[in-house]
Protein backbone atom coordinates (compact mmCIF):
# COMPACT_ATOMS: atom_id res chain seq x y z
CA UNK A 1 0.00 0.00 0.00
CA UNK A 2 2.87 2.34 0.76
CA UNK A 3 4.00 2.10 -2.86
CA UNK A 4 0.66 3.60 -4.01
CA UNK A 5 0.76 6.26 -1.34
CA UNK A 6 4.16 7.42 -2.60
CA UNK A 7 3.24 8.01 -6.22
CA UNK A 8 -0.19 9.39 -5.37
CA UNK A 9 1.41 11.95 -3.11
CA UNK A 10 3.86 12.93 -5.84
CA UNK A 11 0.99 13.29 -8.28
CA UNK A 12 -0.80 15.62 -5.91
CA UNK A 13 -3.40 13.11 -4.79
CA UNK A 14 -4.31 12.24 -1.20
CA UNK A 15 -6.40 9.45 0.31
CA UNK A 16 -9.57 10.84 1.83
CA UNK A 17 -11.31 9.21 4.75
CA UNK A 18 -13.73 7.60 2.32
CA UNK A 19 -10.84 6.23 0.26
CA UNK A 20 -9.32 4.74 3.42
CA UNK A 21 -12.36 2.64 4.15
CA UNK A 22 -12.36 1.31 0.58
CA UNK A 23 -8.66 0.40 0.64
CA UNK A 24 -7.24 -3.10 0.97
CA UNK A 25 -7.18 -2.83 4.74
CA UNK A 26 -10.27 -3.69 6.72
CA UNK A 27 -10.28 -2.31 10.28
CA UNK A 28 -10.35 -4.88 13.07
CA UNK A 29 -13.72 -5.42 14.73
CA UNK A 30 -14.28 -3.78 18.10
CA UNK A 31 -14.71 -6.99 20.08
CA UNK A 32 -14.60 -5.20 23.44
CA UNK A 33 -17.87 -3.32 22.96
CA UNK A 34 -16.84 -0.87 25.68
CA UNK A 35 -17.45 2.86 25.41
CA UNK A 36 -14.44 4.66 26.85
CA UNK A 37 -14.71 8.44 26.79
CA UNK A 38 -11.38 9.21 28.43
CA UNK A 39 -9.77 10.81 25.39
CA UNK A 40 -12.72 13.13 24.89
CA UNK A 41 -11.07 15.38 27.47
CA UNK A 42 -7.42 14.95 26.67
CA UNK A 43 -6.30 18.13 28.42
CA UNK A 44 -8.02 17.01 31.62
CA UNK A 45 -6.41 13.58 31.61
CA UNK A 46 -3.00 15.04 30.94
CA UNK A 47 -3.22 16.84 34.27
CA UNK A 48 -4.48 13.70 36.02
CA UNK A 49 -1.53 11.56 34.95
CA UNK A 50 1.87 12.15 36.58
CA UNK A 51 4.36 14.35 34.76
CA UNK A 52 6.80 12.02 33.03
CA UNK A 53 9.75 11.28 35.29
CA UNK A 54 8.27 13.09 38.30
CA UNK A 55 8.47 9.93 40.43
CA UNK A 56 12.25 9.67 40.03
CA UNK A 57 14.24 9.55 43.26
CA UNK A 58 17.67 11.06 42.81
CA UNK A 59 19.59 9.16 40.15
CA UNK A 60 17.42 6.04 40.44
CA UNK A 61 15.84 4.59 37.29
CA UNK A 62 12.12 4.73 36.57
CA UNK A 63 9.95 1.93 35.22
CA UNK A 64 7.47 3.59 32.88
CA UNK A 65 4.19 1.82 32.09
CA UNK A 66 2.71 2.54 28.66
CA UNK A 67 -0.73 1.07 28.04
CA UNK A 68 -4.50 1.52 28.05
CA UNK A 69 -7.37 1.12 30.51
CA UNK A 70 -6.37 -2.44 31.43
CA UNK A 71 -3.24 -0.82 32.88
CA UNK A 72 -4.84 2.43 34.09
CA UNK A 73 -8.63 2.78 34.17
CA UNK A 74 -10.58 6.01 34.07
CA UNK A 75 -9.31 9.55 34.11
CA UNK A 76 -7.87 9.26 37.62
CA UNK A 77 -7.05 5.55 37.53
CA UNK A 78 -8.03 5.21 41.20
CA UNK A 79 -10.88 2.70 41.03
CA UNK A 80 -13.64 5.24 41.61
CA UNK A 81 -15.85 3.22 39.26
CA UNK A 82 -14.87 -0.15 40.74
CA UNK A 83 -12.34 -0.86 37.99
CA UNK A 84 -8.57 -0.91 38.40
CA UNK A 85 -5.76 -1.37 35.92
CA UNK A 86 -2.85 -3.59 36.85
CA UNK A 87 -0.41 -0.67 36.72
CA UNK A 88 -1.99 0.65 39.93
CA UNK A 89 -0.48 -2.28 41.87
CA UNK A 90 2.76 -2.95 40.00
CA UNK A 91 4.84 -0.81 42.37
CA UNK A 92 4.30 -3.44 45.09
CA UNK A 93 6.73 -5.71 43.29
CA UNK A 94 9.66 -3.30 43.10
CA UNK A 95 12.05 -1.96 45.70
CA UNK A 96 11.08 1.69 45.64
CA UNK A 97 14.35 2.69 47.28
CA UNK A 98 16.01 1.56 44.03
CA UNK A 99 13.41 2.19 41.30
CA UNK A 100 10.01 3.84 41.00
CA UNK A 101 7.10 2.62 38.92
CA UNK A 102 5.31 5.35 36.99
CA UNK A 103 1.97 4.52 35.39
CA UNK A 104 1.69 6.61 32.22
CA UNK A 105 -1.09 4.46 30.73
CA UNK A 106 -4.40 5.97 29.71
CA UNK A 107 -7.77 4.40 29.06
CA UNK A 108 -9.08 4.39 25.51
CA UNK A 109 -5.71 4.58 23.79
CA UNK A 110 -4.51 2.34 20.99
CA UNK A 111 -0.89 1.94 19.98
CA UNK A 112 -1.60 4.62 17.37
CA UNK A 113 -3.29 7.22 19.59
CA UNK A 114 -0.86 6.73 22.47
CA UNK A 115 2.10 7.15 20.12
CA UNK A 116 0.70 10.25 18.46
CA UNK A 117 -0.88 12.03 21.43
CA UNK A 118 0.86 10.93 24.64
CA UNK A 119 4.21 9.39 23.81
CA UNK A 120 5.95 12.73 23.03
CA UNK A 121 5.34 13.90 26.61
CA UNK A 122 6.36 10.55 28.13
CA UNK A 123 9.66 10.64 26.25
CA UNK A 124 10.53 13.94 27.93
CA UNK A 125 10.87 12.12 31.26
CA UNK A 126 12.82 9.06 30.09
CA UNK A 127 16.51 8.92 30.99
CA UNK A 128 19.32 6.45 30.19
CA UNK A 129 18.95 3.31 32.28
CA UNK A 130 15.15 3.56 32.62
CA UNK A 131 12.75 0.80 31.60
CA UNK A 132 9.58 1.14 29.54
CA UNK A 133 6.89 -1.56 29.48
CA UNK A 134 4.65 -1.29 26.41
CA UNK A 135 1.34 -3.19 26.52
CA UNK A 136 -1.11 -1.91 23.91
CA UNK A 137 -3.61 -3.35 21.46
CA UNK A 138 -7.00 -3.65 23.14
CA UNK A 139 -8.19 -0.53 21.30
CA UNK A 140 -6.45 -1.01 17.93
CA UNK A 141 -9.79 -1.61 16.25
CA UNK A 142 -12.83 0.20 14.88
CA UNK A 143 -12.70 2.86 12.12
CA UNK A 144 -9.47 4.37 10.86
CA UNK A 145 -10.83 7.90 10.44
CA UNK A 146 -14.05 8.24 12.46
CA UNK A 147 -15.30 7.53 15.94
CA UNK A 148 -12.20 7.37 18.14
CA UNK A 149 -9.94 7.29 15.04
CA UNK A 150 -7.65 4.80 16.72
CA UNK A 151 -7.51 1.68 14.53
CA UNK A 152 -4.21 0.32 13.23
CA UNK A 153 -3.50 -2.00 10.32
CA UNK A 154 -3.47 -5.68 11.22
CA UNK A 155 -0.12 -7.41 11.62
CA UNK A 156 3.48 -6.23 11.74
CA UNK A 157 4.22 -4.93 8.25
CA UNK A 158 6.87 -2.23 8.21
CA UNK A 159 5.73 -0.80 4.88
CA UNK A 160 1.93 -0.92 4.74
CA UNK A 161 0.23 2.34 5.60
CA UNK A 162 -2.88 4.43 5.03
CA UNK A 163 -3.24 8.18 4.78
CA UNK A 164 -6.54 9.32 6.24
CA UNK A 165 -8.30 12.56 7.03
CA UNK A 166 -9.85 12.45 10.49
CA UNK A 167 -13.60 13.03 10.51
CA UNK A 168 -14.09 13.38 14.27
CA UNK A 169 -12.39 14.22 17.53
CA UNK A 170 -10.11 17.05 18.64
CA UNK A 171 -7.95 16.59 15.54
CA UNK A 172 -10.83 16.66 13.05
CA UNK A 173 -9.66 17.55 9.56
CA UNK A 174 -6.06 16.59 10.20
CA UNK A 175 -4.31 14.26 7.77
CA UNK A 176 -2.61 11.28 9.42
CA UNK A 177 -0.60 8.28 8.27
CA UNK A 178 -1.78 5.03 9.85
CA UNK A 179 0.73 2.17 10.25
CA UNK A 180 0.45 -1.45 11.28
CA UNK A 181 0.29 -2.44 14.95
CA UNK A 182 3.76 -3.93 14.64
CA UNK A 183 5.21 -0.77 13.14
CA UNK A 184 3.95 1.29 16.08
CA UNK A 185 5.66 -1.20 18.39
CA UNK A 186 8.87 -0.71 16.41
CA UNK A 187 8.54 3.06 16.84
CA UNK A 188 8.19 2.72 20.63
CA UNK A 189 11.18 0.38 20.78
CA UNK A 190 13.45 2.47 18.56
CA UNK A 191 12.68 5.71 20.33
CA UNK A 192 13.06 4.19 23.81
CA UNK A 193 16.47 2.85 22.88
CA UNK A 194 17.47 6.18 21.35
CA UNK A 195 16.95 7.68 24.81
CA UNK A 196 19.24 5.09 26.38
CA UNK A 197 16.37 3.23 28.08
CA UNK A 198 15.28 -0.40 27.91
CA UNK A 199 11.99 -1.28 26.13
CA UNK A 200 9.93 -4.30 27.23
CA UNK A 201 7.00 -5.62 25.21
CA UNK A 202 4.07 -7.39 26.85
CA UNK A 203 1.06 -9.14 25.37
CA UNK A 204 -2.42 -7.99 26.35
CA UNK A 205 -4.33 -8.88 29.48
CA UNK A 206 -7.04 -11.52 28.86
CA UNK A 207 -10.69 -10.65 28.43
CA UNK A 208 -13.46 -12.97 29.57
CA UNK A 209 -16.32 -14.36 27.55
CA UNK A 210 -19.08 -16.90 27.71
CA UNK A 211 -17.91 -20.01 25.85
CA UNK A 212 -19.91 -21.37 22.97
CA UNK A 213 -22.02 -24.38 23.78
CA UNK A 214 -20.78 -27.63 22.20
CA UNK A 215 -22.97 -28.92 19.42
CA UNK A 216 -25.83 -30.98 20.76
CA UNK A 217 -25.56 -29.56 24.27
CA UNK A 218 -27.73 -27.11 26.15
CA UNK A 219 -27.03 -23.44 25.50
CA UNK A 220 -24.91 -21.59 28.07
CA UNK A 221 -26.70 -19.72 30.85
CA UNK A 222 -28.24 -16.40 29.97
CA UNK A 223 -26.50 -13.22 31.04
CA UNK A 224 -28.87 -12.64 33.95
CA UNK A 225 -27.92 -16.00 35.43
CA UNK A 226 -24.22 -15.76 34.62
CA UNK A 227 -23.78 -12.70 36.80
CA UNK A 228 -25.11 -14.45 39.89
CA UNK A 229 -23.92 -18.00 39.37
CA UNK A 230 -22.88 -19.47 42.70
CA UNK A 231 -19.52 -21.00 43.61
CA UNK A 232 -21.20 -24.37 43.78
CA UNK A 233 -20.46 -24.45 40.05
CA UNK A 234 -22.37 -25.53 36.97
CA UNK A 235 -22.89 -28.85 35.29
CA UNK A 236 -19.75 -30.92 34.89
CA UNK A 237 -17.80 -30.04 31.78
CA UNK A 238 -19.28 -26.56 31.32
CA UNK A 239 -17.93 -23.10 32.12
CA UNK A 240 -20.01 -19.98 32.53
CA UNK A 241 -16.99 -17.77 31.84
CA UNK A 242 -13.61 -18.44 30.30
CA UNK A 243 -10.52 -16.29 29.64
CA UNK A 244 -9.79 -15.15 26.10
CA UNK A 245 -6.31 -15.51 24.68
CA UNK A 246 -4.99 -13.24 21.91
CA UNK A 247 -1.97 -15.32 20.97
CA UNK A 248 -2.93 -15.37 17.30
CA UNK A 249 -3.14 -11.58 16.94
CA UNK A 250 -1.67 -8.97 19.27
CA UNK A 251 0.15 -11.47 21.47
CA UNK A 252 1.77 -13.05 18.42
CA UNK A 253 2.58 -9.70 16.82
CA UNK A 254 4.17 -8.27 19.98
CA UNK A 255 6.27 -11.42 20.33
CA UNK A 256 7.37 -11.24 16.70
CA UNK A 257 8.50 -7.63 17.06
CA UNK A 258 10.33 -8.50 20.30
CA UNK A 259 12.21 -11.31 18.54
CA UNK A 260 12.93 -9.16 15.50
CA UNK A 261 14.35 -6.29 17.57
CA UNK A 262 15.88 -8.41 20.37
CA UNK A 263 13.62 -6.91 23.02
CA UNK A 264 12.50 -8.61 26.27
CA UNK A 265 9.00 -10.04 25.88
CA UNK A 266 6.57 -11.12 28.60
CA UNK A 267 3.51 -13.08 27.51
CA UNK A 268 1.20 -11.52 30.08
CA UNK A 269 -1.83 -12.86 28.24
CA UNK A 270 -0.74 -16.47 28.62
CA UNK A 271 0.50 -16.08 32.21
CA UNK A 272 -2.76 -14.51 33.33
CA UNK A 273 -5.11 -16.76 31.33
CA UNK A 274 -3.41 -19.96 32.46
CA UNK A 275 -4.10 -18.99 36.08
CA UNK A 276 -7.65 -17.93 35.28
CA UNK A 277 -8.35 -21.36 33.81
CA UNK A 278 -7.72 -22.95 37.22
CA UNK A 279 -10.44 -20.78 38.77
CA UNK A 280 -14.13 -21.43 38.86
CA UNK A 281 -16.20 -19.43 36.41
CA UNK A 282 -17.72 -17.61 39.36
CA UNK A 283 -14.28 -16.50 40.53
CA UNK A 284 -13.10 -15.53 37.06
CA UNK A 285 -16.24 -13.41 36.69
CA UNK A 286 -15.51 -11.22 39.72
CA UNK A 287 -11.96 -10.59 38.53
CA UNK A 288 -13.68 -8.25 36.07
CA UNK A 289 -16.07 -5.41 36.89
CA UNK A 290 -18.90 -3.88 34.87
CA UNK A 291 -17.77 -5.43 31.57
CA UNK A 292 -15.67 -8.21 30.09
CA UNK A 293 -12.35 -6.40 29.71
CA UNK A 294 -11.80 -4.08 32.68
CA UNK A 295 -10.63 -5.69 35.88
CA UNK A 296 -11.76 -5.37 39.46
CA UNK A 297 -9.17 -5.00 42.21
CA UNK A 298 -8.91 -8.80 42.21
CA UNK A 299 -8.14 -8.89 38.50
CA UNK A 300 -5.76 -5.94 38.59
CA UNK A 301 -3.74 -7.46 41.42
CA UNK A 302 -3.77 -10.78 39.59
CA UNK A 303 -2.33 -9.20 36.42
CA UNK A 304 0.20 -7.12 38.35
CA UNK A 305 1.61 -10.24 39.95
CA UNK A 306 1.65 -12.05 36.60
CA UNK A 307 3.57 -9.14 35.06
CA UNK A 308 6.18 -9.21 37.84
CA UNK A 309 6.50 -12.98 37.68
CA UNK A 310 6.86 -12.77 33.91
CA UNK A 311 9.65 -10.23 34.19
CA UNK A 312 11.47 -12.39 36.73
CA UNK A 313 11.14 -15.48 34.54
CA UNK A 314 12.30 -13.71 31.36
CA UNK A 315 15.81 -14.83 30.37
CA UNK A 316 16.69 -11.77 28.31
CA UNK A 317 20.01 -10.40 29.67
CA UNK A 318 18.81 -6.81 29.38
CA UNK A 319 16.44 -7.45 32.30
CA UNK A 320 19.02 -8.65 34.83
CA UNK A 321 19.43 -5.26 36.58
CA UNK A 322 15.64 -4.85 36.72
CA UNK A 323 15.13 -8.33 38.14
CA UNK A 324 17.51 -7.49 40.97
CA UNK A 325 15.01 -4.82 42.07
CA UNK A 326 11.91 -7.09 42.07
CA UNK A 327 10.51 -7.98 45.49
CA UNK A 328 7.47 -9.62 47.13
CA UNK A 329 7.11 -12.49 44.67
CA UNK A 330 6.93 -14.98 47.50
CA UNK A 331 3.28 -15.47 48.42
CA UNK A 332 2.31 -14.37 51.96
CA UNK A 333 1.32 -17.25 54.23
CA UNK A 334 0.10 -17.93 57.76
CA UNK A 335 3.34 -19.64 58.76
CA UNK A 336 1.59 -22.86 59.78
CA UNK A 337 3.98 -25.71 60.49
CA UNK A 338 2.79 -28.80 58.70
CA UNK A 339 3.49 -32.34 59.77
CA UNK A 340 3.57 -35.10 57.21
CA UNK A 341 0.32 -37.00 56.94
CA UNK A 342 -1.65 -34.53 59.04
CA UNK A 343 -4.19 -32.12 57.51
CA UNK A 344 -4.57 -28.61 58.85
CA UNK A 345 -7.73 -26.94 60.09
CA UNK A 346 -7.59 -23.17 59.63
CA UNK A 347 -9.83 -21.17 61.96
CA UNK A 348 -10.95 -17.76 60.71
CA UNK A 349 -13.12 -15.15 62.37
CA UNK A 350 -13.17 -12.19 64.73
CA UNK A 351 -12.59 -11.50 68.45
CA UNK A 352 -15.10 -14.16 69.50
CA UNK A 353 -12.69 -16.64 67.91
CA UNK A 354 -9.37 -15.02 68.83
CA UNK A 355 -8.90 -12.46 71.60
CA UNK A 356 -6.11 -11.66 74.06
CA UNK A 357 -6.38 -15.29 75.16
CA UNK A 358 -3.88 -14.91 78.02
CA UNK A 359 -5.27 -13.68 81.34
CA UNK A 360 -7.54 -16.24 83.01
CA UNK A 361 -9.85 -13.38 83.99
CA UNK A 362 -9.69 -11.67 80.61
CA UNK A 363 -11.45 -12.10 77.25
CA UNK A 364 -11.01 -15.30 75.28
CA UNK A 365 -11.97 -16.52 71.85
CA UNK A 366 -13.08 -20.12 71.36
CA UNK A 367 -10.24 -20.78 68.89
CA UNK A 368 -7.85 -20.68 71.84
CA UNK A 369 -9.60 -23.80 73.12
CA UNK A 370 -9.32 -25.76 69.89
CA UNK A 371 -6.84 -28.05 71.65
CA UNK A 372 -9.69 -29.24 73.86
CA UNK A 373 -11.65 -30.65 70.92
CA UNK A 374 -9.15 -31.55 68.16
CA UNK A 375 -6.80 -34.53 68.40
CA UNK A 376 -3.37 -33.04 67.76
CA UNK A 377 -2.01 -36.49 67.00
CA UNK A 378 -4.23 -36.54 63.91
CA UNK A 379 -4.60 -32.94 62.80
CA UNK A 380 -2.86 -29.55 63.07
CA UNK A 381 -4.90 -26.47 63.80
CA UNK A 382 -4.04 -22.79 63.51
CA UNK A 383 -6.14 -19.89 64.75
CA UNK A 384 -6.02 -17.20 62.04
CA UNK A 385 -8.88 -15.11 63.42
CA UNK A 386 -8.34 -11.45 64.29
CA UNK A 387 -10.30 -9.20 66.64
CA UNK A 388 -12.43 -6.47 65.09
CA UNK A 389 -12.59 -7.97 61.63
CA UNK A 390 -15.53 -8.44 59.35
CA UNK A 391 -15.52 -10.53 56.19
CA UNK A 392 -14.72 -7.35 54.31
CA UNK A 393 -11.74 -6.24 56.39
CA UNK A 394 -10.40 -9.78 56.78
CA UNK A 395 -10.18 -9.89 53.01
CA UNK A 396 -9.02 -6.26 52.58
CA UNK A 397 -6.08 -6.70 54.96
CA UNK A 398 -4.78 -9.78 53.18
CA UNK A 399 -5.54 -12.16 56.05
CA UNK A 400 -7.67 -14.43 53.89
CA UNK A 401 -4.98 -14.41 51.21
CA UNK A 402 -2.52 -15.95 53.68
CA UNK A 403 -4.96 -18.74 54.49
CA UNK A 404 -5.70 -19.31 50.81
CA UNK A 405 -2.01 -19.52 49.91
CA UNK A 406 -1.43 -22.14 52.62
CA UNK A 407 -4.34 -24.40 51.70
CA UNK A 408 -3.69 -27.91 50.49
CA UNK A 409 -5.98 -30.73 49.48
CA UNK A 410 -7.46 -32.41 52.54
CA UNK A 411 -7.34 -29.33 54.76
CA UNK A 412 -10.35 -27.78 56.52
CA UNK A 413 -11.35 -24.15 57.05
CA UNK A 414 -13.81 -22.96 59.69
CA UNK A 415 -15.34 -19.64 58.57
CA UNK A 416 -17.14 -17.53 61.18
CA UNK A 417 -17.95 -13.83 60.80
CA UNK A 418 -20.89 -11.52 61.45
CA UNK A 419 -20.32 -9.55 64.65
CA UNK A 420 -18.52 -6.71 62.82
CA UNK A 421 -20.17 -7.00 59.42
CA UNK A 422 -23.11 -4.97 60.66
CA UNK A 423 -21.00 -1.78 60.73
CA UNK A 424 -21.26 1.19 58.41
CA UNK A 425 -20.28 0.80 54.77
CA UNK A 426 -18.97 4.27 54.01
CA UNK A 427 -17.62 5.71 57.26
CA UNK A 428 -16.33 4.82 60.70
CA UNK A 429 -14.15 1.72 60.53
CA UNK A 430 -15.38 0.95 57.00
CA UNK A 431 -15.90 -2.69 57.88
CA UNK A 432 -19.60 -3.14 57.22
CA UNK A 433 -20.78 -5.09 54.20
CA UNK A 434 -24.07 -5.19 52.31
CA UNK A 435 -26.75 -7.15 54.21
CA UNK A 436 -27.92 -10.38 52.60
CA UNK A 437 -26.47 -12.97 50.26
CA UNK A 438 -27.04 -11.57 46.76
CA UNK A 439 -24.02 -11.18 44.47
CA UNK A 440 -24.21 -7.42 44.64
CA UNK A 441 -21.69 -4.65 45.24
CA UNK A 442 -21.11 -0.91 45.52
CA UNK A 443 -18.08 1.39 45.45
CA UNK A 444 -17.15 2.93 48.79
CA UNK A 445 -14.72 5.77 49.49
CA UNK A 446 -12.61 4.59 52.41
CA UNK A 447 -10.66 7.01 54.62
CA UNK A 448 -8.50 5.30 57.24
CA UNK A 449 -5.40 6.60 59.00
CA UNK A 450 -5.12 9.59 56.67
CA UNK A 451 -5.24 7.31 53.63
CA UNK A 452 -8.14 7.57 51.18
CA UNK A 453 -8.94 5.02 48.52
CA UNK A 454 -11.86 3.39 46.74
CA UNK A 455 -13.10 -0.08 47.57
CA UNK A 456 -15.76 -2.31 46.09
CA UNK A 457 -17.94 -3.63 48.91
CA UNK A 458 -19.90 -6.87 48.47
CA UNK A 459 -22.65 -8.58 50.44
CA UNK A 460 -22.05 -10.64 53.57
CA UNK A 461 -23.05 -13.76 51.69
CA UNK A 462 -20.80 -12.90 48.74
CA UNK A 463 -17.74 -12.84 51.00
CA UNK A 464 -18.68 -16.21 52.45
CA UNK A 465 -19.13 -17.62 48.94
CA UNK A 466 -15.74 -16.32 47.90
CA UNK A 467 -14.06 -18.07 50.82
CA UNK A 468 -15.96 -21.28 50.10
CA UNK A 469 -14.98 -21.16 46.43
CA UNK A 470 -11.32 -20.50 47.26
CA UNK A 471 -11.22 -23.48 49.61
CA UNK A 472 -12.70 -25.81 47.03
CA UNK A 473 -10.29 -24.57 44.37
CA UNK A 474 -7.45 -25.87 46.56
CA UNK A 475 -9.17 -29.14 47.43
CA UNK A 476 -9.85 -28.06 51.02
CA UNK A 477 -13.18 -28.41 52.85
CA UNK A 478 -14.89 -25.16 53.95
CA UNK A 479 -17.24 -25.25 56.94
CA UNK A 480 -19.46 -22.28 57.79
CA UNK A 481 -19.92 -21.51 61.48
CA UNK A 482 -22.64 -19.09 62.57
CA UNK A 483 -21.67 -16.24 64.89
CA UNK A 484 -21.75 -16.67 68.66
CA UNK A 485 -24.82 -15.28 70.52
CA UNK A 486 -24.58 -12.05 72.46
CA UNK A 487 -25.50 -11.87 76.15
CA UNK A 488 -28.74 -10.01 75.59
CA UNK A 489 -32.01 -11.42 76.93
CA UNK A 490 -35.70 -10.91 76.34
CA UNK A 491 -38.54 -12.82 78.00
CA UNK A 492 -36.06 -15.19 79.63
CA UNK A 493 -34.38 -16.18 76.38
CA UNK A 494 -30.96 -15.16 75.01
CA UNK A 495 -30.87 -13.29 71.69
CA UNK A 496 -31.15 -15.15 68.39
CA UNK A 497 -30.23 -13.72 65.00
CA UNK A 498 -32.02 -16.30 62.92
CA UNK A 499 -33.76 -13.65 60.84
CA UNK A 500 -30.49 -11.97 59.72
CA UNK A 501 -27.07 -13.57 59.95
CA UNK A 502 -28.44 -16.98 60.82
CA UNK A 503 -30.71 -16.79 57.78
CA UNK A 504 -27.88 -15.63 55.52
CA UNK A 505 -25.58 -18.43 56.67
CA UNK A 506 -28.30 -20.95 55.83
CA UNK A 507 -28.92 -19.39 52.43
CA UNK A 508 -25.24 -19.57 51.52
CA UNK A 509 -25.00 -23.15 52.79
CA UNK A 510 -28.03 -24.14 50.71
CA UNK A 511 -26.77 -22.34 47.60
CA UNK A 512 -23.26 -23.75 47.73
CA UNK A 513 -23.79 -27.10 49.45
CA UNK A 514 -21.26 -26.06 52.10
CA UNK A 515 -21.31 -27.74 55.50
CA UNK A 516 -22.80 -25.53 58.21
CA UNK A 517 -22.29 -25.65 61.99
CA UNK A 518 -24.99 -23.57 63.67
CA UNK A 519 -22.92 -22.57 66.69
CA UNK A 520 -25.20 -19.59 67.27
CA UNK A 521 -28.15 -21.78 68.22
CA UNK A 522 -26.10 -24.59 69.78
CA UNK A 523 -24.58 -22.16 72.29
CA UNK A 524 -27.83 -20.21 72.71
CA UNK A 525 -29.69 -23.41 73.60
CA UNK A 526 -27.05 -24.22 76.22
CA UNK A 527 -27.20 -20.73 77.73
CA UNK A 528 -30.98 -20.77 77.82
CA UNK A 529 -30.66 -23.87 79.98
CA UNK A 530 -28.05 -22.25 82.21
CA UNK A 531 -30.18 -19.14 82.77
CA UNK A 532 -29.65 -15.41 82.45
CA UNK A 533 -27.96 -14.81 85.79
CA UNK A 534 -25.48 -17.72 85.55
CA UNK A 535 -24.69 -16.83 81.93
CA UNK A 536 -22.83 -13.71 83.13
CA UNK A 537 -19.89 -15.97 83.98
CA UNK A 538 -19.56 -16.90 80.32
CA UNK A 539 -18.99 -13.31 79.13
CA UNK A 540 -16.41 -10.69 80.05
CA UNK A 541 -16.73 -6.87 80.10
CA UNK A 542 -19.53 -6.67 77.53
CA UNK A 543 -22.32 -8.65 75.89
CA UNK A 544 -20.23 -10.03 73.02
CA UNK A 545 -16.83 -11.19 74.23
CA UNK A 546 -16.53 -14.39 76.19
CA UNK A 547 -14.61 -15.32 79.27
CA UNK A 548 -12.43 -18.42 79.32
CA UNK A 549 -15.46 -20.39 80.43
CA UNK A 550 -17.53 -19.01 77.55
CA UNK A 551 -14.77 -19.80 75.05
CA UNK A 552 -14.72 -23.40 76.25
CA UNK A 553 -18.50 -23.64 75.86
CA UNK A 554 -18.30 -22.39 72.26
CA UNK A 555 -15.47 -24.80 71.43
CA UNK A 556 -17.59 -27.66 72.73
CA UNK A 557 -20.43 -26.34 70.57
CA UNK A 558 -18.17 -26.67 67.52
CA UNK A 559 -17.51 -30.30 68.38
CA UNK A 560 -21.23 -30.93 68.90
CA UNK A 561 -22.10 -29.34 65.56
CA UNK A 562 -19.44 -31.31 63.64
CA UNK A 563 -20.62 -34.55 65.24
CA UNK A 564 -24.26 -33.87 64.44
CA UNK A 565 -23.33 -33.17 60.83
CA UNK A 566 -21.38 -36.38 60.47
CA UNK A 567 -18.62 -34.06 59.26
CA UNK A 568 -15.37 -35.34 57.78
CA UNK A 569 -13.69 -33.08 60.32
CA UNK A 570 -15.44 -34.93 63.18
CA UNK A 571 -13.04 -37.88 62.77
CA UNK A 572 -10.29 -35.60 64.09
CA UNK A 573 -12.10 -34.74 67.32
CA UNK A 574 -10.87 -36.04 70.64
């Protein structure tokens, strides 16, 4: 095509936008179907992104991130719509005393629009010894000269091009030469190297989609059902959601340019998708938010880790200095000490499960008394509960992640929350979650210890379902345990929460098929028999926290519940 452009230009002719659409090149289909309006206010977003090189500390290098909304969502990139790009979390994997990570990505950009509109400013901050990760392609589709005017020519040709006149946007009426995707990658690489920096190419993050039903089988679930499918799974052999690889288009093209120009290449698409395929469809679904391409915090953190792991695994010698600055690749764990042949029971929860657990006259959680009910010759137990936590904060603080990382097939997990989940969603300790069990969510602005950030908050039941699903993914057995009763009485009976948390525990157990120990009613029945006055000895300082005697009673209630259930865990009781 370039050959025709040359002689037409000499003859005084120019391709118009109409000519461009009739040329040999057909624009790639917009498979994302996402409306991203970020570039409609380019001046605004320029002020929202950091000035290139502004993160540099002294003479330290900077790792620049060049990409689109999968790397940096929205104008601010701070998750205020519940979506995060993986660039938001990439700094966690680098020693910031040696290198800073600067996210220069912008939603809505293609390799073409980023190169033309943003790259000149980014280059101003690049210094010799810096690194530049380039991950673009999600938006290299649609019309060449209308709409967002961001499409590139398929493939990696160095000679094919189109001259178009832009019909829309801030540059309406301007004439522009459009190159292939691969040629834009070459431009990024050449210009990065000319500045003395090190370019790194990455393939795209995966999207998700509903797989096509095999011939002769029932059609996949409708969209309304897909969004709320439970972690109990679907029929054997079917998936509600699956990751999408792009290893025949942008992934392949980026790799080819990397090989051609001897540039480090990380196949982020493959690394991320291969992990997604080990997840349930329900879990894969919540790694995205609002659509099938933009990630939630879960998905962004997932891709950030995959990117860091990919860099560390890359054998290209140009990355050796960068790899020396990578940190935190080792997964956080509980530190449980395993013994061969013995499963582990992980105990999670709040202060009613784990308290100070020291002074005989102080407050105790029942997890401290696990030794009274479990046979330590057969099973290891670890109390991972933490006072003051709800499902939401237990997850937010990474405590559940440690349990998840430690899980092995044959283990057990006791899951008990509820006392702190009733708190406020948007203020105070920001530990409350949405009442009920529906797979619903909202975005909350959290301000804690002078730090402000956005957080997607889910329902109480959703958090329980996540924990159940995570356990099953690892081959462990989750067991729900209802919250302990509070020392509040009416008409001679201790309180019961069977119309709220008790109900929600039962709904989740029924939906997922998870084992359920109703400690709330087991202990309440016992205390009803003991009587209101004598029950005071089972609590300490307030109506919620138990004394040592109360902790022992609740531990016995766990054993009773497991025995009544005929639980697999019951075989490990004393």
